[in-house]
Protein backbone atom coordinates (compact mmCIF):
# COMPACT_ATOMS: atom_id res chain seq x y z
CA MET A 1 120.68 249.57 97.55
CA ARG A 2 119.74 246.19 99.15
CA SER A 3 116.10 245.23 98.64
CA PRO A 4 114.03 244.12 101.96
CA LEU A 5 114.35 240.66 101.07
CA VAL A 6 118.43 240.95 101.12
CA ARG A 7 118.09 242.91 104.41
CA ALA A 8 115.79 240.08 106.13
CA LEU A 9 118.02 237.29 104.89
CA PRO A 10 120.07 237.32 108.13
CA ALA A 11 117.16 237.73 110.62
CA LEU A 12 115.71 234.98 108.39
CA LEU A 13 118.44 232.59 108.77
CA LEU A 14 119.02 233.19 112.53
CA PHE A 15 115.32 232.11 112.80
CA LEU A 16 115.71 228.60 111.12
CA LEU A 17 118.54 228.41 113.18
CA LEU A 18 116.62 228.49 116.36
CA PHE A 19 113.88 226.44 114.99
CA LEU A 20 116.42 223.66 114.27
CA LEU A 21 118.07 223.98 117.62
CA VAL A 22 114.64 223.64 119.16
CA ALA A 23 113.57 220.88 116.92
CA VAL A 24 116.49 218.81 117.97
CA TRP A 25 116.32 219.15 121.47
CA LYS A 26 112.66 218.35 121.08
CA LEU A 27 113.45 214.77 119.35
CA SER A 28 116.16 213.84 121.46
CA ALA A 29 114.49 214.51 124.87
CA PRO A 30 112.68 211.75 126.69
CA VAL A 31 109.12 211.44 126.30
CA ALA A 32 106.88 211.47 129.74
CA LEU A 33 104.55 208.56 129.79
CA ARG A 34 101.61 207.83 132.01
CA ALA A 35 103.04 204.47 132.98
CA PRO A 36 107.27 202.90 133.14
CA VAL A 37 105.81 200.66 130.26
CA LEU A 38 102.81 201.24 127.90
CA GLU A 39 101.68 198.59 125.60
CA ILE A 40 100.02 200.36 122.19
CA GLU A 41 98.60 197.77 119.19
CA ILE A 42 98.75 199.35 116.04
CA PRO A 43 96.09 197.86 113.46
CA SER A 44 96.99 197.05 110.04
CA GLY A 45 96.59 199.68 107.52
CA SER A 46 96.99 202.42 110.07
CA SER A 47 98.08 206.09 108.51
CA MET A 48 100.79 207.78 110.61
CA ARG A 49 98.26 210.62 111.49
CA GLN A 50 95.90 207.57 112.93
CA VAL A 51 98.87 206.14 114.83
CA ALA A 52 99.81 209.37 116.08
CA ARG A 53 96.55 210.06 117.92
CA GLN A 54 96.64 206.30 119.42
CA VAL A 55 100.09 206.92 120.73
CA ALA A 56 99.00 210.20 122.65
CA GLU A 57 96.03 208.82 123.97
CA ALA A 58 97.48 205.64 125.18
CA GLY A 59 99.66 207.86 127.81
CA VAL A 60 102.69 209.17 125.54
CA ASP A 61 103.10 212.69 126.03
CA VAL A 62 103.99 213.56 122.62
CA GLU A 63 102.16 215.69 120.22
CA PRO A 64 100.65 214.00 117.52
CA TRP A 65 101.93 216.39 114.47
CA THR A 66 105.50 216.02 115.54
CA LEU A 67 105.83 212.36 114.55
CA VAL A 68 103.16 213.48 111.41
CA VAL A 69 105.72 215.92 110.16
CA LEU A 70 108.55 213.51 110.78
CA ALA A 71 107.04 211.15 108.67
CA ARG A 72 106.79 213.60 105.66
CA LEU A 73 109.98 215.02 106.16
CA THR A 74 111.64 211.48 105.90
CA GLY A 75 109.23 210.15 103.63
CA SER A 76 107.86 207.41 105.79
CA ALA A 77 104.35 208.22 105.85
CA HIS A 78 103.56 204.90 104.88
CA GLN A 79 105.73 203.22 106.58
CA VAL A 80 104.20 202.64 109.72
CA LYS A 81 104.18 199.04 110.83
CA ALA A 82 101.33 197.06 112.38
CA GLY A 83 101.49 195.13 115.41
CA ARG A 84 102.17 195.32 119.50
CA TYR A 85 104.58 198.21 120.76
CA GLN A 86 105.90 198.51 124.34
CA ILE A 87 107.00 202.09 124.95
CA ARG A 88 109.35 202.27 127.84
CA ALA A 89 110.30 205.14 129.88
CA GLY A 90 113.58 207.00 128.41
CA LEU A 91 112.29 206.70 125.31
CA THR A 92 113.14 210.06 122.99
CA THR A 93 110.39 211.20 120.28
CA TRP A 94 112.94 210.36 117.33
CA GLN A 95 113.41 206.93 118.96
CA LEU A 96 109.78 206.36 119.11
CA PHE A 97 109.36 207.73 115.79
CA LYS A 98 111.83 205.18 114.63
CA LYS A 99 110.11 202.27 116.38
CA LEU A 100 106.82 202.95 114.56
CA ILE A 101 108.47 202.62 111.15
CA ARG A 102 111.24 200.22 111.77
CA GLU A 103 112.28 198.19 109.01
CA ASP A 104 112.99 195.32 111.03
CA ALA A 105 109.34 194.24 111.11
CA ALA A 106 110.04 190.40 112.47
CA GLN A 107 111.81 192.01 115.68
CA GLY A 108 109.58 191.75 118.77
CA GLU A 109 110.55 192.92 122.41
CA PHE A 110 109.18 191.32 125.81
CA VAL A 111 109.82 193.54 128.71
CA LEU A 112 109.96 191.38 132.24
CA ILE A 113 108.78 194.15 134.67
CA GLU A 114 110.46 194.58 138.05
CA GLY A 115 108.13 193.25 140.85
CA TRP A 116 106.08 190.47 138.67
CA ASN A 117 105.95 187.29 140.33
CA PHE A 118 106.84 183.84 137.94
CA ARG A 119 103.31 182.92 137.72
CA ARG A 120 102.53 186.46 136.40
CA LEU A 121 105.70 186.29 134.20
CA ARG A 122 104.28 182.97 132.46
CA ALA A 123 100.70 184.54 131.97
CA GLU A 124 102.13 187.80 129.87
CA LEU A 125 104.13 185.35 128.13
CA ALA A 126 101.12 183.18 127.04
CA ARG A 127 99.57 186.50 125.78
CA ASP A 128 102.32 187.41 123.31
CA PRO A 129 101.52 187.01 119.79
CA ASP A 130 104.97 186.74 118.51
CA LEU A 131 106.24 184.15 120.27
CA ALA A 132 106.44 180.43 120.22
CA HIS A 133 104.79 179.07 123.28
CA ASP A 134 106.89 175.96 123.96
CA SER A 135 106.61 175.87 127.75
CA ALA A 136 102.93 176.29 128.12
CA SER A 137 102.64 172.53 128.60
CA LEU A 138 105.57 172.13 131.02
CA SER A 139 105.33 172.86 134.93
CA ASP A 140 107.54 174.96 136.61
CA ARG A 141 110.24 172.47 137.56
CA GLN A 142 110.30 171.15 133.74
CA LEU A 143 110.36 174.50 132.54
CA LEU A 144 113.83 174.88 134.72
CA GLU A 145 114.96 171.82 133.67
CA ARG A 146 114.50 172.80 129.84
CA ILE A 147 116.44 175.89 130.13
CA GLY A 148 119.41 174.72 132.04
CA ALA A 149 118.33 175.96 135.44
CA VAL A 150 119.80 174.06 138.54
CA GLU A 151 117.43 176.14 140.59
CA VAL A 152 114.41 173.76 141.93
CA GLU A 153 112.11 177.21 142.07
CA PRO A 154 111.96 179.94 139.65
CA GLU A 155 110.97 182.58 141.57
CA GLY A 156 113.55 185.40 141.35
CA PHE A 157 115.86 184.11 138.92
CA PHE A 158 114.74 186.03 136.16
CA LEU A 159 116.31 189.58 135.48
CA PRO A 160 113.54 192.21 134.71
CA GLU A 161 114.63 193.98 131.58
CA ALA A 162 113.60 194.50 127.91
CA TYR A 163 114.49 191.40 125.52
CA PHE A 164 114.83 191.49 121.64
CA PHE A 165 114.04 188.28 119.84
CA THR A 166 112.99 187.55 116.15
CA LYS A 167 108.92 186.76 115.87
CA GLY A 168 108.25 183.27 116.25
CA ASP A 169 111.63 182.34 118.84
CA SER A 170 111.08 180.24 121.55
CA GLU A 171 109.39 181.11 125.09
CA LEU A 172 112.14 179.23 126.58
CA GLU A 173 114.93 180.47 125.02
CA LEU A 174 113.69 183.84 126.10
CA LEU A 175 113.53 182.68 129.78
CA ALA A 176 117.17 180.97 129.49
CA ARG A 177 118.84 184.72 128.41
CA ALA A 178 116.74 186.32 131.41
CA HIS A 179 117.78 183.38 133.96
CA ARG A 180 121.29 183.50 132.80
CA ALA A 181 121.44 187.25 132.93
CA MET A 182 119.77 187.22 136.64
CA VAL A 183 122.38 184.56 137.58
CA ALA A 184 125.32 186.66 136.25
CA LYS A 185 124.02 189.60 137.81
CA LEU A 186 123.61 188.46 141.18
CA ASP A 187 126.98 186.62 141.35
CA GLN A 188 128.41 189.84 140.26
CA ALA A 189 126.57 191.42 143.34
CA TRP A 190 126.87 189.02 145.92
CA ALA A 191 130.71 189.10 145.21
CA ALA A 192 130.67 193.01 145.91
CA ARG A 193 128.48 192.81 149.32
CA GLU A 194 129.40 194.66 152.40
CA ALA A 195 130.84 192.69 154.97
CA GLY A 196 129.28 191.38 157.87
CA LEU A 197 125.36 191.22 156.56
CA ALA A 198 122.85 189.03 158.11
CA ILE A 199 122.48 186.67 155.75
CA SER A 200 124.50 184.06 154.38
CA SER A 201 124.16 183.26 150.64
CA SER A 202 123.20 184.79 147.61
CA TYR A 203 119.92 183.31 147.66
CA GLU A 204 118.92 184.92 150.67
CA ALA A 205 119.96 188.02 149.28
CA LEU A 206 117.40 187.25 146.28
CA ILE A 207 114.61 186.55 148.63
CA LEU A 208 115.63 190.11 150.75
CA ALA A 209 115.41 192.11 147.02
CA SER A 210 112.33 190.67 146.73
CA LEU A 211 110.78 192.04 149.49
CA VAL A 212 112.28 195.14 149.52
CA GLU A 213 111.20 195.53 145.59
CA LYS A 214 107.65 194.81 146.81
CA GLU A 215 107.57 197.25 149.48
CA THR A 216 108.41 200.42 147.91
CA GLY A 217 109.36 201.52 144.22
CA ALA A 218 110.62 204.94 145.52
CA GLN A 219 114.76 204.87 144.57
CA GLU A 220 115.58 206.77 147.96
CA ASP A 221 113.68 204.40 150.05
CA ARG A 222 115.12 200.66 149.13
CA PRO A 223 118.15 200.97 150.83
CA ARG A 224 116.33 202.24 154.39
CA VAL A 225 113.83 199.31 153.82
CA ALA A 226 116.69 196.82 153.44
CA SER A 227 118.31 198.19 156.86
CA VAL A 228 114.82 197.80 158.72
CA PHE A 229 114.62 193.98 157.67
CA TYR A 230 118.14 193.52 158.78
CA ASN A 231 117.83 195.54 161.68
CA ARG A 232 114.59 193.11 162.32
CA LEU A 233 116.64 190.17 161.60
CA LYS A 234 119.34 190.85 164.08
CA ILE A 235 117.09 191.20 166.90
CA GLY A 236 115.15 187.93 165.77
CA MET A 237 112.09 190.15 165.27
CA PRO A 238 109.42 188.88 162.59
CA LEU A 239 109.91 190.96 159.32
CA GLN A 240 106.30 191.77 159.29
CA THR A 241 105.59 192.32 155.56
CA ASP A 242 102.26 192.15 153.91
CA PRO A 243 104.09 191.13 150.44
CA THR A 244 104.74 188.06 151.55
CA VAL A 245 101.19 187.07 153.03
CA ILE A 246 99.70 187.91 150.00
CA TYR A 247 102.37 185.97 147.96
CA GLY A 248 101.58 182.93 150.11
CA MET A 249 97.78 183.13 149.54
CA GLY A 250 98.43 183.11 145.68
CA GLU A 251 95.04 182.83 143.58
CA ASN A 252 93.45 183.34 146.77
CA PHE A 253 93.81 186.85 147.71
CA SER A 254 90.95 189.18 147.01
CA GLY A 255 92.83 192.39 146.84
CA LYS A 256 92.75 193.31 150.66
CA LEU A 257 94.66 191.87 153.28
CA SER A 258 92.22 190.75 156.48
CA ARG A 259 93.29 190.16 160.19
CA ALA A 260 92.17 186.68 159.67
CA ASP A 261 94.67 186.44 156.44
CA LEU A 262 97.79 187.96 159.04
CA LYS A 263 96.67 185.15 161.38
CA THR A 264 96.48 182.17 159.13
CA ASP A 265 99.80 180.44 159.17
CA SER A 266 101.60 179.74 156.08
CA PRO A 267 105.56 179.38 154.83
CA TYR A 268 105.19 183.12 153.97
CA ASN A 269 103.48 184.89 156.59
CA THR A 270 106.27 187.02 158.34
CA TYR A 271 104.08 188.03 160.96
CA LEU A 272 103.95 184.66 162.70
CA ARG A 273 107.15 183.19 161.41
CA ARG A 274 110.58 184.82 162.03
CA GLY A 275 113.29 185.03 159.17
CA LEU A 276 113.27 184.91 155.65
CA PRO A 277 110.25 183.21 153.91
CA PRO A 278 111.65 180.31 151.83
CA THR A 279 111.42 181.64 148.43
CA PRO A 280 111.65 185.09 146.67
CA ILE A 281 107.61 186.69 146.12
CA ALA A 282 109.06 188.37 142.82
CA MET A 283 111.70 189.53 140.54
CA PRO A 284 113.58 192.00 142.23
CA GLY A 285 115.36 194.79 139.90
CA MET A 286 118.91 195.66 140.65
CA ALA A 287 118.17 198.65 142.67
CA SER A 288 116.69 196.54 145.36
CA LEU A 289 119.70 193.78 145.00
CA HIS A 290 122.30 196.57 145.33
CA ALA A 291 120.18 198.26 148.52
CA VAL A 292 120.54 194.83 150.13
CA LEU A 293 123.85 193.99 149.62
CA ASN A 294 125.00 197.63 150.20
CA PRO A 295 122.43 198.86 152.82
CA PRO A 296 122.98 202.03 155.06
CA HIS A 297 123.62 201.50 159.08
CA THR A 298 120.38 202.62 160.45
CA ASP A 299 118.44 202.21 163.46
CA TYR A 300 115.00 202.16 162.07
CA LEU A 301 112.60 198.98 162.54
CA TYR A 302 109.70 200.33 161.17
CA PHE A 303 108.09 201.99 158.10
CA VAL A 304 105.04 202.99 156.77
CA ALA A 305 103.76 204.16 153.51
CA ARG A 306 102.75 207.98 153.24
CA GLY A 307 100.33 207.59 150.20
CA ASP A 308 102.52 209.28 147.94
CA GLY A 309 105.11 206.34 146.98
CA THR A 310 107.32 207.10 149.90
CA SER A 311 107.61 205.88 153.52
CA GLU A 312 108.15 207.23 157.17
CA PHE A 313 110.60 205.47 158.80
CA SER A 314 110.43 205.29 162.84
CA ARG A 315 113.17 203.85 165.40
CA SER A 316 110.66 203.20 168.09
CA LEU A 317 106.89 201.79 168.01
CA ASP A 318 105.59 204.52 169.63
CA GLU A 319 106.99 206.74 166.49
CA HIS A 320 105.50 204.08 164.01
CA ASN A 321 101.90 204.42 165.66
CA ARG A 322 102.04 208.11 165.46
CA ALA A 323 103.06 208.03 161.51
CA VAL A 324 100.50 205.24 161.02
CA ALA A 325 98.19 207.58 162.48
CA ARG A 326 99.09 210.50 160.52
CA TYR A 327 99.59 208.95 157.28
CA GLN A 328 96.96 205.80 157.20
CA ARG A 329 94.54 206.95 159.42
CA HIS A 330 95.12 210.62 158.35
CA GLU A 331 94.73 212.13 162.08
CA PRO A 332 96.46 215.47 162.96
């Protein structure tokens, strides 16, 4: 006669198998973040329990005990690396754990964010403790010369993505890599553009893509925003986009546009001047660039933010005014 333990063994093995399957699934699933990129500073001497709690409090949707258990099972409880970490969307629990205990403690990571302007990029580089700040004393044009760029204005010419480097590496070298990457992507995208666009160069595509980037973060809206701008360009209608006015104001922007701001002339005031602004106003991502070079054919001339990150598109001024009343003034 079999003992109770022997009879229970198949059920126990099944339970263990299911537990392992669930664990593998959980470790391989991307963790949710409170923002697309989170920065976490891990002090020297932190335990995995402290780090796990800090990671969760920073906005990473992970149970702290998961990281603690992983550390104990892998014998890595005392291998946490102090330093500043950038946690990006798409990272799995296992990748997050390996990032915190990586053996290559000399490796740094810098993420260029879509929508940053060049002034913001330089400020973020200056704050990175792991880079050699060899561009700090250079003007924008001197910086371009040092990285081998042929452009005279830097805005828009750096590809937003993550760049890994060895701690102590040159800022200029990182910028050169980001510049080469953007130029290559821009050339490829321009070569594959749709025929008959109302722009005449890849630089104009970069300018227009930066406007799309700043006008919406909704993936599905980018092509339609691009179509609105094209439709306005074709009929000579001003683009009338707030982000260009804000960019032209620079450090004088107080955080809210006024009617006086919209009536103050500058090369970037697209309410008063027709056509594109003279330069990009930010670093566009590839989604915005592709939207500009492969836009849908629409008859939209207006759009307004709904308040949830998406936009309402209109064909006429009457439609647009009703949309503004509904979504901006919250009228019935």
